[in-house]
Amino acid sequence: LDWQQDAINGDGWNGFVLLTRNFRQDRLAQYETESSGLSETP
């Protein structure tokens, strides 16, 4: 939410809050060999 006391001239009080959720990233690049694998970490 964004709040501006004087929305025309920008005078007075103003405030903001921003809430952002970054989700878990587990879709990972992988490199495979016959015996083992190397990948990104989640």
Full PDB file with SEQRES, HELIX, SHEET, SSBOND, CRYST1, ORIGX, SCALE, CONECT and MASTER records, all heavy atoms in Angstrom:
SEQRES   1 A   42  LEU ASP TRP GLN GLN ASP ALA ILE ASN GLY ASP GLY TRP          
SEQRES   2 A   42  ASN GLY PHE VAL LEU LEU THR ARG ASN PHE ARG GLN ASP          
SEQRES   3 A   42  ARG LEU ALA GLN TYR GLU THR GLU SER SER GLY LEU SER          
SEQRES   4 A   42  GLU THR PRO                                                  
SHEET    1 AA1 2 ASP A   2  GLN A   4  0                                        
SHEET    2 AA1 2 ASN A  14  PHE A  16 -1                                        
SHEET    1 AA2 2 GLN A  30  GLU A  32  0                                        
SHEET    2 AA2 2 GLY A  37  SER A  39 -1                                        
CRYST1    1.000    1.000    1.000  90.00  90.00  90.00 P 1           1          
ORIGX1      1.000000  0.000000  0.000000        0.00000                         
ORIGX2      0.000000  1.000000  0.000000        0.00000                         
ORIGX3      0.000000  0.000000  1.000000        0.00000                         
SCALE1      1.000000  0.000000  0.000000        0.00000                         
SCALE2      0.000000  1.000000  0.000000        0.00000                         
SCALE3      0.000000  0.000000  1.000000        0.00000                         
ATOM      1  N   LEU A   1       0.845  -1.187   0.000  1.00  0.00           N  
ATOM      2  CA  LEU A   1       0.000   0.000   0.000  1.00  0.00           C  
ATOM      3  C   LEU A   1       0.880   1.236   0.000  1.00  0.00           C  
ATOM      4  O   LEU A   1       1.962   1.248   0.596  1.00  0.00           O  
ATOM      5  CB  LEU A   1      -0.918   0.012   1.226  1.00  0.00           C  
ATOM      6  CG  LEU A   1      -2.120  -0.929   1.183  1.00  0.00           C  
ATOM      7  CD1 LEU A   1      -2.723  -1.068   2.562  1.00  0.00           C  
ATOM      8  CD2 LEU A   1      -3.166  -0.433   0.207  1.00  0.00           C  
ATOM      9  N   ASP A   2       0.376   2.261  -0.675  1.00  0.00           N  
ATOM     10  CA  ASP A   2       1.079   3.532  -0.744  1.00  0.00           C  
ATOM     11  C   ASP A   2       0.133   4.629  -0.293  1.00  0.00           C  
ATOM     12  O   ASP A   2      -1.009   4.706  -0.763  1.00  0.00           O  
ATOM     13  CB  ASP A   2       1.526   3.783  -2.189  1.00  0.00           C  
ATOM     14  CG  ASP A   2       2.320   5.059  -2.316  1.00  0.00           C  
ATOM     15  OD1 ASP A   2       3.087   5.373  -1.401  1.00  0.00           O  
ATOM     16  OD2 ASP A   2       2.170   5.734  -3.351  1.00  0.00           O  
ATOM     17  N   TRP A   3       0.607   5.470   0.617  1.00  0.00           N  
ATOM     18  CA  TRP A   3      -0.236   6.551   1.151  1.00  0.00           C  
ATOM     19  C   TRP A   3       0.476   7.878   0.988  1.00  0.00           C  
ATOM     20  O   TRP A   3       1.658   8.006   1.289  1.00  0.00           O  
ATOM     21  CB  TRP A   3      -0.533   6.293   2.635  1.00  0.00           C  
ATOM     22  CG  TRP A   3      -1.274   7.433   3.275  1.00  0.00           C  
ATOM     23  CD1 TRP A   3      -2.552   7.820   3.036  1.00  0.00           C  
ATOM     24  CD2 TRP A   3      -0.750   8.324   4.264  1.00  0.00           C  
ATOM     25  NE1 TRP A   3      -2.873   8.895   3.809  1.00  0.00           N  
ATOM     26  CE2 TRP A   3      -1.786   9.235   4.584  1.00  0.00           C  
ATOM     27  CE3 TRP A   3       0.483   8.445   4.912  1.00  0.00           C  
ATOM     28  CZ2 TRP A   3      -1.624  10.250   5.516  1.00  0.00           C  
ATOM     29  CZ3 TRP A   3       0.651   9.452   5.836  1.00  0.00           C  
ATOM     30  CH2 TRP A   3      -0.400  10.342   6.137  1.00  0.00           C  
ATOM     31  N   GLN A   4      -0.246   8.868   0.483  1.00  0.00           N  
ATOM     32  CA  GLN A   4       0.295  10.204   0.276  1.00  0.00           C  
ATOM     33  C   GLN A   4      -0.719  11.223   0.774  1.00  0.00           C  
ATOM     34  O   GLN A   4      -1.843  11.289   0.268  1.00  0.00           O  
ATOM     35  CB  GLN A   4       0.578  10.441  -1.207  1.00  0.00           C  
ATOM     36  CG  GLN A   4       1.130  11.814  -1.529  1.00  0.00           C  
ATOM     37  CD  GLN A   4       2.565  11.983  -1.091  1.00  0.00           C  
ATOM     38  OE1 GLN A   4       3.439  11.279  -1.584  1.00  0.00           O  
ATOM     39  NE2 GLN A   4       2.824  12.896  -0.182  1.00  0.00           N  
ATOM     40  N   GLN A   5      -0.344  11.998   1.783  1.00  0.00           N  
ATOM     41  CA  GLN A   5      -1.284  12.951   2.383  1.00  0.00           C  
ATOM     42  C   GLN A   5      -1.780  13.973   1.367  1.00  0.00           C  
ATOM     43  O   GLN A   5      -2.969  14.258   1.283  1.00  0.00           O  
ATOM     44  CB  GLN A   5      -0.617  13.672   3.561  1.00  0.00           C  
ATOM     45  CG  GLN A   5      -1.554  14.610   4.318  1.00  0.00           C  
ATOM     46  CD  GLN A   5      -0.862  15.245   5.520  1.00  0.00           C  
ATOM     47  OE1 GLN A   5       0.297  14.965   5.812  1.00  0.00           O  
ATOM     48  NE2 GLN A   5      -1.588  16.077   6.236  1.00  0.00           N  
ATOM     49  N   ASP A   6      -0.870  14.542   0.583  1.00  0.00           N  
ATOM     50  CA  ASP A   6      -1.229  15.483  -0.471  1.00  0.00           C  
ATOM     51  C   ASP A   6      -0.841  14.845  -1.791  1.00  0.00           C  
ATOM     52  O   ASP A   6       0.312  14.905  -2.217  1.00  0.00           O  
ATOM     53  CB  ASP A   6      -0.495  16.812  -0.280  1.00  0.00           C  
ATOM     54  CG  ASP A   6      -0.920  17.874  -1.288  1.00  0.00           C  
ATOM     55  OD1 ASP A   6      -1.513  17.498  -2.325  1.00  0.00           O  
ATOM     56  OD2 ASP A   6      -0.650  19.064  -1.049  1.00  0.00           O  
ATOM     57  N   ALA A   7      -1.822  14.208  -2.443  1.00  0.00           N  
ATOM     58  CA  ALA A   7      -1.523  13.441  -3.645  1.00  0.00           C  
ATOM     59  C   ALA A   7      -1.224  14.322  -4.848  1.00  0.00           C  
ATOM     60  O   ALA A   7      -0.707  13.837  -5.847  1.00  0.00           O  
ATOM     61  CB  ALA A   7      -2.698  12.511  -3.978  1.00  0.00           C  
ATOM     62  N   ILE A   8      -1.538  15.621  -4.773  1.00  0.00           N  
ATOM     63  CA  ILE A   8      -1.291  16.516  -5.895  1.00  0.00           C  
ATOM     64  C   ILE A   8       0.112  17.101  -5.834  1.00  0.00           C  
ATOM     65  O   ILE A   8       0.898  17.009  -6.776  1.00  0.00           O  
ATOM     66  CB  ILE A   8      -2.326  17.659  -5.923  1.00  0.00           C  
ATOM     67  CG1 ILE A   8      -3.744  17.071  -6.026  1.00  0.00           C  
ATOM     68  CG2 ILE A   8      -2.041  18.587  -7.104  1.00  0.00           C  
ATOM     69  CD1 ILE A   8      -4.005  16.319  -7.303  1.00  0.00           C  
ATOM     70  N   ASN A   9       0.466  17.717  -4.704  1.00  0.00           N  
ATOM     71  CA  ASN A   9       1.747  18.410  -4.575  1.00  0.00           C  
ATOM     72  C   ASN A   9       2.829  17.582  -3.891  1.00  0.00           C  
ATOM     73  O   ASN A   9       3.998  17.956  -3.915  1.00  0.00           O  
ATOM     74  CB  ASN A   9       1.545  19.716  -3.805  1.00  0.00           C  
ATOM     75  CG  ASN A   9       0.582  20.645  -4.504  1.00  0.00           C  
ATOM     76  OD1 ASN A   9       0.688  20.851  -5.713  1.00  0.00           O  
ATOM     77  ND2 ASN A   9      -0.378  21.201  -3.768  1.00  0.00           N  
ATOM     78  N   GLY A  10       2.442  16.497  -3.225  1.00  0.00           N  
ATOM     79  CA  GLY A  10       3.427  15.664  -2.539  1.00  0.00           C  
ATOM     80  C   GLY A  10       3.861  16.199  -1.202  1.00  0.00           C  
ATOM     81  O   GLY A  10       4.837  15.707  -0.626  1.00  0.00           O  
ATOM     82  N   ASP A  11       3.153  17.222  -0.660  1.00  0.00           N  
ATOM     83  CA  ASP A  11       3.518  17.771   0.643  1.00  0.00           C  
ATOM     84  C   ASP A  11       2.940  16.915   1.763  1.00  0.00           C  
ATOM     85  O   ASP A  11       2.057  16.088   1.559  1.00  0.00           O  
ATOM     86  CB  ASP A  11       2.996  19.206   0.778  1.00  0.00           C  
ATOM     87  CG  ASP A  11       3.726  20.166  -0.159  1.00  0.00           C  
ATOM     88  OD1 ASP A  11       4.868  19.844  -0.529  1.00  0.00           O  
ATOM     89  OD2 ASP A  11       3.144  21.204  -0.521  1.00  0.00           O  
ATOM     90  N   GLY A  12       3.450  17.135   2.989  1.00  0.00           N  
ATOM     91  CA  GLY A  12       2.938  16.434   4.159  1.00  0.00           C  
ATOM     92  C   GLY A  12       3.522  15.052   4.299  1.00  0.00           C  
ATOM     93  O   GLY A  12       4.620  14.745   3.814  1.00  0.00           O  
ATOM     94  N   TRP A  13       2.772  14.194   4.968  1.00  0.00           N  
ATOM     95  CA  TRP A  13       3.244  12.846   5.275  1.00  0.00           C  
ATOM     96  C   TRP A  13       2.978  11.885   4.124  1.00  0.00           C  
ATOM     97  O   TRP A  13       2.020  12.031   3.374  1.00  0.00           O  
ATOM     98  CB  TRP A  13       2.560  12.314   6.543  1.00  0.00           C  
ATOM     99  CG  TRP A  13       2.985  13.033   7.787  1.00  0.00           C  
ATOM    100  CD1 TRP A  13       2.344  14.073   8.390  1.00  0.00           C  
ATOM    101  CD2 TRP A  13       4.149  12.756   8.571  1.00  0.00           C  
ATOM    102  NE1 TRP A  13       3.038  14.486   9.508  1.00  0.00           N  
ATOM    103  CE2 TRP A  13       4.156  13.689   9.645  1.00  0.00           C  
ATOM    104  CE3 TRP A  13       5.187  11.835   8.478  1.00  0.00           C  
ATOM    105  CZ2 TRP A  13       5.144  13.712  10.614  1.00  0.00           C  
ATOM    106  CZ3 TRP A  13       6.177  11.858   9.432  1.00  0.00           C  
ATOM    107  CH2 TRP A  13       6.158  12.782  10.486  1.00  0.00           C  
ATOM    108  N   ASN A  14       3.852  10.886   4.011  1.00  0.00           N  
ATOM    109  CA  ASN A  14       3.637   9.789   3.071  1.00  0.00           C  
ATOM    110  C   ASN A  14       4.219   8.530   3.677  1.00  0.00           C  
ATOM    111  O   ASN A  14       5.054   8.587   4.596  1.00  0.00           O  
ATOM    112  CB  ASN A  14       4.281  10.097   1.714  1.00  0.00           C  
ATOM    113  CG  ASN A  14       5.787  10.234   1.806  1.00  0.00           C  
ATOM    114  OD1 ASN A  14       6.514   9.236   1.841  1.00  0.00           O  
ATOM    115  ND2 ASN A  14       6.273  11.485   1.870  1.00  0.00           N  
ATOM    116  N   GLY A  15       3.805   7.388   3.187  1.00  0.00           N  
ATOM    117  CA  GLY A  15       4.314   6.126   3.716  1.00  0.00           C  
ATOM    118  C   GLY A  15       4.076   4.984   2.755  1.00  0.00           C  
ATOM    119  O   GLY A  15       3.267   5.073   1.829  1.00  0.00           O  
ATOM    120  N   PHE A  16       4.799   3.925   2.939  1.00  0.00           N  
ATOM    121  CA  PHE A  16       4.606   2.749   2.089  1.00  0.00           C  
ATOM    122  C   PHE A  16       5.017   1.490   2.849  1.00  0.00           C  
ATOM    123  O   PHE A  16       5.820   1.532   3.794  1.00  0.00           O  
ATOM    124  CB  PHE A  16       5.401   2.857   0.789  1.00  0.00           C  
ATOM    125  CG  PHE A  16       6.866   2.566   0.941  1.00  0.00           C  
ATOM    126  CD1 PHE A  16       7.375   1.294   0.711  1.00  0.00           C  
ATOM    127  CD2 PHE A  16       7.755   3.568   1.308  1.00  0.00           C  
ATOM    128  CE1 PHE A  16       8.733   1.024   0.858  1.00  0.00           C  
ATOM    129  CE2 PHE A  16       9.116   3.317   1.447  1.00  0.00           C  
ATOM    130  CZ  PHE A  16       9.611   2.041   1.220  1.00  0.00           C  
ATOM    131  N   VAL A  17       4.437   0.373   2.425  1.00  0.00           N  
ATOM    132  CA  VAL A  17       4.830  -0.956   2.883  1.00  0.00           C  
ATOM    133  C   VAL A  17       4.764  -1.888   1.683  1.00  0.00           C  
ATOM    134  O   VAL A  17       3.828  -1.810   0.885  1.00  0.00           O  
ATOM    135  CB  VAL A  17       3.898  -1.494   3.995  1.00  0.00           C  
ATOM    136  CG1 VAL A  17       4.208  -2.953   4.283  1.00  0.00           C  
ATOM    137  CG2 VAL A  17       4.013  -0.677   5.260  1.00  0.00           C  
ATOM    138  N   LEU A  18       5.749  -2.715   1.528  1.00  0.00           N  
ATOM    139  CA  LEU A  18       5.769  -3.684   0.431  1.00  0.00           C  
ATOM    140  C   LEU A  18       6.204  -5.036   0.983  1.00  0.00           C  
ATOM    141  O   LEU A  18       7.286  -5.168   1.558  1.00  0.00           O  
ATOM    142  CB  LEU A  18       6.738  -3.239  -0.674  1.00  0.00           C  
ATOM    143  CG  LEU A  18       6.832  -4.161  -1.894  1.00  0.00           C  
ATOM    144  CD1 LEU A  18       5.490  -4.256  -2.604  1.00  0.00           C  
ATOM    145  CD2 LEU A  18       7.899  -3.649  -2.861  1.00  0.00           C  
ATOM    146  N   LEU A  19       5.336  -6.033   0.813  1.00  0.00           N  
ATOM    147  CA  LEU A  19       5.594  -7.398   1.277  1.00  0.00           C  
ATOM    148  C   LEU A  19       5.734  -8.307   0.068  1.00  0.00           C  
ATOM    149  O   LEU A  19       4.822  -8.389  -0.763  1.00  0.00           O  
ATOM    150  CB  LEU A  19       4.444  -7.872   2.168  1.00  0.00           C  
ATOM    151  CG  LEU A  19       4.550  -9.290   2.734  1.00  0.00           C  
ATOM    152  CD1 LEU A  19       5.670  -9.367   3.761  1.00  0.00           C  
ATOM    153  CD2 LEU A  19       3.228  -9.720   3.346  1.00  0.00           C  
ATOM    154  N   THR A  20       6.876  -8.974  -0.057  1.00  0.00           N  
ATOM    155  CA  THR A  20       7.147  -9.831  -1.209  1.00  0.00           C  
ATOM    156  C   THR A  20       7.542 -11.224  -0.736  1.00  0.00           C  
ATOM    157  O   THR A  20       8.394 -11.365   0.144  1.00  0.00           O  
ATOM    158  CB  THR A  20       8.286  -9.258  -2.074  1.00  0.00           C  
ATOM    159  OG1 THR A  20       7.994  -7.905  -2.405  1.00  0.00           O  
ATOM    160  CG2 THR A  20       8.441 -10.061  -3.348  1.00  0.00           C  
ATOM    161  N   ARG A  21       6.925 -12.229  -1.327  1.00  0.00           N  
ATOM    162  CA  ARG A  21       7.241 -13.632  -1.022  1.00  0.00           C  
ATOM    163  C   ARG A  21       7.969 -14.253  -2.202  1.00  0.00           C  
ATOM    164  O   ARG A  21       7.437 -14.346  -3.305  1.00  0.00           O  
ATOM    165  CB  ARG A  21       5.956 -14.409  -0.736  1.00  0.00           C  
ATOM    166  CG  ARG A  21       6.161 -15.897  -0.451  1.00  0.00           C  
ATOM    167  CD  ARG A  21       6.907 -16.132   0.848  1.00  0.00           C  
ATOM    168  NE  ARG A  21       6.967 -17.561   1.187  1.00  0.00           N  
ATOM    169  CZ  ARG A  21       7.627 -18.047   2.231  1.00  0.00           C  
ATOM    170  NH1 ARG A  21       8.274 -17.217   3.051  1.00  0.00           N  
ATOM    171  NH2 ARG A  21       7.642 -19.335   2.483  1.00  0.00           N  
ATOM    172  N   ASN A  22       9.218 -14.653  -1.981  1.00  0.00           N  
ATOM    173  CA  ASN A  22       9.982 -15.433  -2.957  1.00  0.00           C  
ATOM    174  C   ASN A  22       9.895 -16.890  -2.570  1.00  0.00           C  
ATOM    175  O   ASN A  22      10.289 -17.278  -1.465  1.00  0.00           O  
ATOM    176  CB  ASN A  22      11.445 -14.995  -2.976  1.00  0.00           C  
ATOM    177  CG  ASN A  22      11.661 -13.707  -3.733  1.00  0.00           C  
ATOM    178  OD1 ASN A  22      11.068 -12.678  -3.417  1.00  0.00           O  
ATOM    179  ND2 ASN A  22      12.519 -13.755  -4.748  1.00  0.00           N  
ATOM    180  N   PHE A  23       9.368 -17.714  -3.471  1.00  0.00           N  
ATOM    181  CA  PHE A  23       9.144 -19.119  -3.156  1.00  0.00           C  
ATOM    182  C   PHE A  23      10.423 -19.946  -3.339  1.00  0.00           C  
ATOM    183  O   PHE A  23      11.394 -19.501  -3.962  1.00  0.00           O  
ATOM    184  CB  PHE A  23       8.019 -19.673  -4.025  1.00  0.00           C  
ATOM    185  CG  PHE A  23       6.682 -19.080  -3.703  1.00  0.00           C  
ATOM    186  CD1 PHE A  23       6.209 -17.971  -4.386  1.00  0.00           C  
ATOM    187  CD2 PHE A  23       5.901 -19.600  -2.677  1.00  0.00           C  
ATOM    188  CE1 PHE A  23       4.990 -17.405  -4.089  1.00  0.00           C  
ATOM    189  CE2 PHE A  23       4.673 -19.032  -2.365  1.00  0.00           C  
ATOM    190  CZ  PHE A  23       4.219 -17.937  -3.068  1.00  0.00           C  
ATOM    191  N   ARG A  24      10.401 -21.132  -2.795  1.00  0.00           N  
ATOM    192  CA  ARG A  24      11.536 -22.041  -2.910  1.00  0.00           C  
ATOM    193  C   ARG A  24      11.793 -22.361  -4.379  1.00  0.00           C  
ATOM    194  O   ARG A  24      10.855 -22.629  -5.146  1.00  0.00           O  
ATOM    195  CB  ARG A  24      11.239 -23.323  -2.132  1.00  0.00           C  
ATOM    196  CG  ARG A  24      12.320 -24.410  -2.261  1.00  0.00           C  
ATOM    197  CD  ARG A  24      11.910 -25.660  -1.478  1.00  0.00           C  
ATOM    198  NE  ARG A  24      12.777 -26.795  -1.742  1.00  0.00           N  
ATOM    199  CZ  ARG A  24      13.922 -27.022  -1.099  1.00  0.00           C  
ATOM    200  NH1 ARG A  24      14.314 -26.188  -0.160  1.00  0.00           N  
ATOM    201  NH2 ARG A  24      14.659 -28.075  -1.383  1.00  0.00           N  
ATOM    202  N   GLN A  25      13.051 -22.313  -4.760  1.00  0.00           N  
ATOM    203  CA  GLN A  25      13.439 -22.661  -6.124  1.00  0.00           C  
ATOM    204  C   GLN A  25      14.151 -24.005  -6.098  1.00  0.00           C  
ATOM    205  O   GLN A  25      15.278 -24.140  -5.621  1.00  0.00           O  
ATOM    206  CB  GLN A  25      14.353 -21.587  -6.710  1.00  0.00           C  
ATOM    207  CG  GLN A  25      14.915 -21.886  -8.094  1.00  0.00           C  
ATOM    208  CD  GLN A  25      13.854 -22.091  -9.152  1.00  0.00           C  
ATOM    209  OE1 GLN A  25      13.133 -23.103  -9.128  1.00  0.00           O  
ATOM    210  NE2 GLN A  25      13.744 -21.164 -10.084  1.00  0.00           N  
ATOM    211  N   ASP A  26      13.456 -25.046  -6.558  1.00  0.00           N  
ATOM    212  CA  ASP A  26      14.055 -26.389  -6.601  1.00  0.00           C  
ATOM    213  C   ASP A  26      13.976 -27.000  -7.998  1.00  0.00           C  
ATOM    214  O   ASP A  26      14.101 -28.211  -8.156  1.00  0.00           O  
ATOM    215  CB  ASP A  26      13.403 -27.313  -5.567  1.00  0.00           C  
ATOM    216  CG  ASP A  26      11.887 -27.347  -5.694  1.00  0.00           C  
ATOM    217  OD1 ASP A  26      11.354 -26.841  -6.706  1.00  0.00           O  
ATOM    218  OD2 ASP A  26      11.224 -27.871  -4.774  1.00  0.00           O  
ATOM    219  N   ARG A  27      13.758 -26.179  -8.997  1.00  0.00           N  
ATOM    220  CA  ARG A  27      13.860 -26.634 -10.386  1.00  0.00           C  
ATOM    221  C   ARG A  27      15.296 -26.339 -10.818  1.00  0.00           C  
ATOM    222  O   ARG A  27      15.630 -25.222 -11.232  1.00  0.00           O  
ATOM    223  CB  ARG A  27      12.830 -25.901 -11.260  1.00  0.00           C  
ATOM    224  CG  ARG A  27      11.393 -26.250 -10.900  1.00  0.00           C  
ATOM    225  CD  ARG A  27      10.400 -25.363 -11.624  1.00  0.00           C  
ATOM    226  NE  ARG A  27      10.511 -23.972 -11.181  1.00  0.00           N  
ATOM    227  CZ  ARG A  27       9.947 -23.488 -10.078  1.00  0.00           C  
ATOM    228  NH1 ARG A  27       9.212 -24.284  -9.317  1.00  0.00           N  
ATOM    229  NH2 ARG A  27      10.097 -22.221  -9.744  1.00  0.00           N  
ATOM    230  N   LEU A  28      16.146 -27.343 -10.725  1.00  0.00           N  
ATOM    231  CA  LEU A  28      17.593 -27.138 -10.746  1.00  0.00           C  
ATOM    232  C   LEU A  28      18.238 -27.671 -12.011  1.00  0.00           C  
ATOM    233  O   LEU A  28      17.856 -28.720 -12.538  1.00  0.00           O  
ATOM    234  CB  LEU A  28      18.223 -27.833  -9.529  1.00  0.00           C  
ATOM    235  CG  LEU A  28      17.592 -27.510  -8.171  1.00  0.00           C  
ATOM    236  CD1 LEU A  28      18.217 -28.360  -7.087  1.00  0.00           C  
ATOM    237  CD2 LEU A  28      17.733 -26.024  -7.859  1.00  0.00           C  
ATOM    238  N   ALA A  29      19.241 -26.944 -12.485  1.00  0.00           N  
ATOM    239  CA  ALA A  29      20.066 -27.436 -13.581  1.00  0.00           C  
ATOM    240  C   ALA A  29      20.914 -28.591 -13.073  1.00  0.00           C  
ATOM    241  O   ALA A  29      21.457 -28.542 -11.966  1.00  0.00           O  
ATOM    242  CB  ALA A  29      20.953 -26.319 -14.113  1.00  0.00           C  
ATOM    243  N   GLN A  30      21.028 -29.643 -13.863  1.00  0.00           N  
ATOM    244  CA  GLN A  30      21.779 -30.828 -13.460  1.00  0.00           C  
ATOM    245  C   GLN A  30      22.734 -31.255 -14.565  1.00  0.00           C  
ATOM    246  O   GLN A  30      22.471 -31.068 -15.751  1.00  0.00           O  
ATOM    247  CB  GLN A  30      20.829 -31.982 -13.132  1.00  0.00           C  
ATOM    248  CG  GLN A  30      19.949 -31.708 -11.930  1.00  0.00           C  
ATOM    249  CD  GLN A  30      19.130 -32.920 -11.536  1.00  0.00           C  
ATOM    250  OE1 GLN A  30      19.127 -33.925 -12.243  1.00  0.00           O  
ATOM    251  NE2 GLN A  30      18.449 -32.837 -10.411  1.00  0.00           N  
ATOM    252  N   TYR A  31      23.861 -31.821 -14.145  1.00  0.00           N  
ATOM    253  CA  TYR A  31      24.855 -32.353 -15.069  1.00  0.00           C  
ATOM    254  C   TYR A  31      25.100 -33.798 -14.639  1.00  0.00           C  
ATOM    255  O   TYR A  31      25.486 -34.057 -13.504  1.00  0.00           O  
ATOM    256  CB  TYR A  31      26.155 -31.550 -14.994  1.00  0.00           C  
ATOM    257  CG  TYR A  31      25.943 -30.056 -15.063  1.00  0.00           C  
ATOM    258  CD1 TYR A  31      25.837 -29.300 -13.893  1.00  0.00           C  
ATOM    259  CD2 TYR A  31      25.843 -29.407 -16.286  1.00  0.00           C  
ATOM    260  CE1 TYR A  31      25.641 -27.927 -13.954  1.00  0.00           C  
ATOM    261  CE2 TYR A  31      25.652 -28.038 -16.354  1.00  0.00           C  
ATOM    262  CZ  TYR A  31      25.553 -27.307 -15.183  1.00  0.00           C  
ATOM    263  OH  TYR A  31      25.360 -25.955 -15.240  1.00  0.00           O  
ATOM    264  N   GLU A  32      24.866 -34.716 -15.536  1.00  0.00           N  
ATOM    265  CA  GLU A  32      24.915 -36.128 -15.171  1.00  0.00           C  
ATOM    266  C   GLU A  32      26.105 -36.829 -15.815  1.00  0.00           C  
ATOM    267  O   GLU A  32      26.475 -36.549 -16.952  1.00  0.00           O  
ATOM    268  CB  GLU A  32      23.625 -36.838 -15.613  1.00  0.00           C  
ATOM    269  CG  GLU A  32      22.362 -36.289 -14.960  1.00  0.00           C  
ATOM    270  CD  GLU A  32      22.298 -36.564 -13.471  1.00  0.00           C  
ATOM    271  OE1 GLU A  32      23.003 -37.481 -13.011  1.00  0.00           O  
ATOM    272  OE2 GLU A  32      21.541 -35.860 -12.780  1.00  0.00           O  
ATOM    273  N   THR A  33      26.707 -37.769 -15.079  1.00  0.00           N  
ATOM    274  CA  THR A  33      27.686 -38.702 -15.637  1.00  0.00           C  
ATOM    275  C   THR A  33      27.172 -40.110 -15.345  1.00  0.00           C  
ATOM    276  O   THR A  33      26.134 -40.299 -14.728  1.00  0.00           O  
ATOM    277  CB  THR A  33      29.073 -38.513 -14.997  1.00  0.00           C  
ATOM    278  OG1 THR A  33      29.002 -38.872 -13.611  1.00  0.00           O  
ATOM    279  CG2 THR A  33      29.537 -37.078 -15.138  1.00  0.00           C  
ATOM    280  N   GLU A  34      27.935 -41.115 -15.764  1.00  0.00           N  
ATOM    281  CA  GLU A  34      27.502 -42.489 -15.543  1.00  0.00           C  
ATOM    282  C   GLU A  34      27.474 -42.849 -14.067  1.00  0.00           C  
ATOM    283  O   GLU A  34      26.689 -43.674 -13.630  1.00  0.00           O  
ATOM    284  CB  GLU A  34      28.435 -43.446 -16.295  1.00  0.00           C  
ATOM    285  CG  GLU A  34      28.367 -43.293 -17.813  1.00  0.00           C  
ATOM    286  CD  GLU A  34      29.286 -44.272 -18.507  1.00  0.00           C  
ATOM    287  OE1 GLU A  34      29.963 -45.040 -17.781  1.00  0.00           O  
ATOM    288  OE2 GLU A  34      29.335 -44.281 -19.752  1.00  0.00           O  
ATOM    289  N   SER A  35      28.332 -42.205 -13.283  1.00  0.00           N  
ATOM    290  CA  SER A  35      28.448 -42.621 -11.887  1.00  0.00           C  
ATOM    291  C   SER A  35      27.923 -41.603 -10.889  1.00  0.00           C  
ATOM    292  O   SER A  35      27.686 -41.936  -9.734  1.00  0.00           O  
ATOM    293  CB  SER A  35      29.927 -42.911 -11.556  1.00  0.00           C  
ATOM    294  OG  SER A  35      30.719 -41.750 -11.809  1.00  0.00           O  
ATOM    295  N   SER A  36      27.775 -40.357 -11.299  1.00  0.00           N  
ATOM    296  CA  SER A  36      27.374 -39.353 -10.321  1.00  0.00           C  
ATOM    297  C   SER A  36      26.698 -38.188 -11.015  1.00  0.00           C  
ATOM    298  O   SER A  36      26.575 -38.156 -12.234  1.00  0.00           O  
ATOM    299  CB  SER A  36      28.596 -38.863  -9.529  1.00  0.00           C  
ATOM    300  OG  SER A  36      29.530 -38.264 -10.403  1.00  0.00           O  
ATOM    301  N   GLY A  37      26.266 -37.236 -10.240  1.00  0.00           N  
ATOM    302  CA  GLY A  37      25.606 -36.061 -10.783  1.00  0.00           C  
ATOM    303  C   GLY A  37      26.010 -34.806 -10.044  1.00  0.00           C  
ATOM    304  O   GLY A  37      26.318 -34.842  -8.859  1.00  0.00           O  
ATOM    305  N   LEU A  38      26.028 -33.715 -10.745  1.00  0.00           N  
ATOM    306  CA  LEU A  38      26.326 -32.413 -10.159  1.00  0.00           C  
ATOM    307  C   LEU A  38      25.165 -31.502 -10.503  1.00  0.00           C  
ATOM    308  O   LEU A  38      24.703 -31.476 -11.636  1.00  0.00           O  
ATOM    309  CB  LEU A  38      27.626 -31.846 -10.732  1.00  0.00           C  
ATOM    310  CG  LEU A  38      28.004 -30.422 -10.319  1.00  0.00           C  
ATOM    311  CD1 LEU A  38      28.374 -30.384  -8.844  1.00  0.00           C  
ATOM    312  CD2 LEU A  38      29.156 -29.912 -11.171  1.00  0.00           C  
ATOM    313  N   SER A  39      24.665 -30.764  -9.551  1.00  0.00           N  
ATOM    314  CA  SER A  39      23.529 -29.894  -9.818  1.00  0.00           C  
ATOM    315  C   SER A  39      23.630 -28.645  -8.970  1.00  0.00           C  
ATOM    316  O   SER A  39      24.436 -28.555  -8.040  1.00  0.00           O  
ATOM    317  CB  SER A  39      22.206 -30.616  -9.522  1.00  0.00           C  
ATOM    318  OG  SER A  39      22.031 -30.786  -8.126  1.00  0.00           O  
ATOM    319  N   GLU A  40      22.795 -27.681  -9.304  1.00  0.00           N  
ATOM    320  CA  GLU A  40      22.638 -26.524  -8.437  1.00  0.00           C  
ATOM    321  C   GLU A  40      22.050 -26.980  -7.108  1.00  0.00           C  
ATOM    322  O   GLU A  40      21.451 -28.054  -7.005  1.00  0.00           O  
ATOM    323  CB  GLU A  40      21.676 -25.519  -9.063  1.00  0.00           C  
ATOM    324  CG  GLU A  40      22.101 -24.915 -10.364  1.00  0.00           C  
ATOM    325  CD  GLU A  40      21.045 -23.965 -10.879  1.00  0.00           C  
ATOM    326  OE1 GLU A  40      19.948 -24.427 -11.239  1.00  0.00           O  
ATOM    327  OE2 GLU A  40      21.311 -22.759 -10.928  1.00  0.00           O  
ATOM    328  N   THR A  41      22.196 -26.139  -6.112  1.00  0.00           N  
ATOM    329  CA  THR A  41      21.517 -26.394  -4.847  1.00  0.00           C  
ATOM    330  C   THR A  41      20.209 -25.618  -4.829  1.00  0.00           C  
ATOM    331  O   THR A  41      20.115 -24.534  -5.410  1.00  0.00           O  
ATOM    332  CB  THR A  41      22.383 -25.945  -3.656  1.00  0.00           C  
ATOM    333  OG1 THR A  41      22.708 -24.563  -3.813  1.00  0.00           O  
ATOM    334  CG2 THR A  41      23.655 -26.767  -3.584  1.00  0.00           C  
ATOM    335  N   PRO A  42      19.165 -26.158  -4.192  1.00  0.00           N  
ATOM    336  CA  PRO A  42      17.900 -25.427  -4.105  1.00  0.00           C  
ATOM    337  C   PRO A  42      18.061 -24.170  -3.260  1.00  0.00           C  
ATOM    338  O   PRO A  42      18.957 -24.071  -2.419  1.00  0.00           O  
ATOM    339  CB  PRO A  42      16.945 -26.427  -3.454  1.00  0.00           C  
ATOM    340  CG  PRO A  42      17.837 -27.380  -2.722  1.00  0.00           C  
ATOM    341  CD  PRO A  42      19.092 -27.469  -3.520  1.00  0.00           C  
TER     342      PRO A  42                                                      
MASTER        0    0    0    0    4    0    0    6  341    1    0    4          
END                                                                             
